[in-house]
Amino acid sequence: MDHLFNRSNKGKIVEKGMVKWGGFYLTEHTKAIDRERTIERSKPIQKFQMDVNEIAETLNQVTLKNKSVAI
């Protein structure tokens, strides 16, 4: 077992070529973090206010180029 774990003087554990520090994440923690990131990414980004002419021009370009637009 000594060949799998070697302690250095800095508190790191070397395991099969991987360096690990004192803190570990549990599966539940990483799933919760992933869920939070997914929720944050799915929130719409607030757009700046456009006047009527800008809206009309944007919609015209979207229609001509067959693109989508976020409102």
Protein backbone atom coordinates (compact mmCIF):
# COMPACT_ATOMS: atom_id res chain seq x y z
CA MET A 1 0.00 0.00 0.00
CA ASP A 2 2.97 2.32 0.49
CA HIS A 3 3.48 2.53 -3.25
CA LEU A 4 -0.07 3.93 -3.72
CA PHE A 5 0.07 6.72 -1.14
CA ASN A 6 3.03 8.98 -0.49
CA ARG A 7 2.73 11.99 1.80
CA SER A 8 4.80 15.03 0.99
CA ASN A 9 5.74 17.63 3.54
CA LYS A 10 3.16 20.08 2.15
CA GLY A 11 0.11 18.01 3.10
CA LYS A 12 -0.58 16.71 -0.40
CA ILE A 13 -1.31 13.06 -1.06
CA VAL A 14 0.07 11.51 -4.24
CA GLU A 15 -2.13 8.64 -5.39
CA LYS A 16 -1.35 6.79 -8.61
CA GLY A 17 0.16 9.92 -10.14
CA MET A 18 -2.69 12.22 -9.09
CA VAL A 19 -2.18 15.10 -6.69
CA LYS A 20 -4.99 15.69 -4.21
CA TRP A 21 -5.33 18.44 -1.65
CA GLY A 22 -7.10 18.34 1.69
CA GLY A 23 -10.60 19.15 0.41
CA PHE A 24 -12.70 16.66 -1.52
CA TYR A 25 -16.12 17.11 -3.08
CA LEU A 26 -18.78 14.50 -2.54
CA THR A 27 -20.95 13.41 -5.45
CA GLU A 28 -23.95 15.17 -3.89
CA HIS A 29 -21.98 18.42 -3.70
CA THR A 30 -20.86 18.31 -7.31
CA LYS A 31 -24.41 17.51 -8.45
CA ALA A 32 -25.74 20.47 -6.46
CA ILE A 33 -23.06 22.76 -7.94
CA ASP A 34 -23.88 21.53 -11.45
CA ARG A 35 -27.61 22.15 -10.86
CA GLU A 36 -26.90 25.70 -9.67
CA ARG A 37 -24.72 26.41 -12.70
CA THR A 38 -27.41 25.04 -15.05
CA ILE A 39 -30.03 27.28 -13.43
CA GLU A 40 -27.76 30.33 -13.70
CA ARG A 41 -27.01 29.63 -17.36
CA SER A 42 -30.70 29.24 -18.19
CA LYS A 43 -31.64 32.64 -16.75
CA PRO A 44 -32.20 35.19 -19.49
CA ILE A 45 -29.73 38.03 -19.77
CA GLN A 46 -31.44 41.40 -19.55
CA LYS A 47 -31.27 43.22 -22.88
CA PHE A 48 -30.99 46.97 -23.33
CA GLN A 49 -34.12 48.93 -24.19
CA MET A 50 -34.62 49.58 -27.91
CA ASP A 51 -36.71 52.30 -29.50
CA VAL A 52 -39.45 51.50 -32.02
CA ASN A 53 -37.21 52.10 -35.07
CA GLU A 54 -34.48 49.77 -33.76
CA ILE A 55 -37.07 47.08 -33.08
CA ALA A 56 -38.55 47.42 -36.56
CA GLU A 57 -35.11 47.25 -38.22
CA THR A 58 -34.05 44.26 -36.12
CA LEU A 59 -37.26 42.37 -36.89
CA ASN A 60 -36.85 43.18 -40.57
CA GLN A 61 -33.28 41.79 -40.59
CA VAL A 62 -34.35 38.71 -38.64
CA THR A 63 -37.12 38.00 -41.13
CA LEU A 64 -34.87 38.52 -44.15
CA LYS A 65 -32.07 36.31 -42.77
CA ASN A 66 -34.38 33.69 -41.26
CA LYS A 67 -32.82 34.09 -37.80
CA SER A 68 -34.26 33.97 -34.30
CA VAL A 69 -34.44 36.83 -31.84
CA ALA A 70 -34.57 37.01 -28.03
CA ILE A 71 -37.16 39.33 -26.53
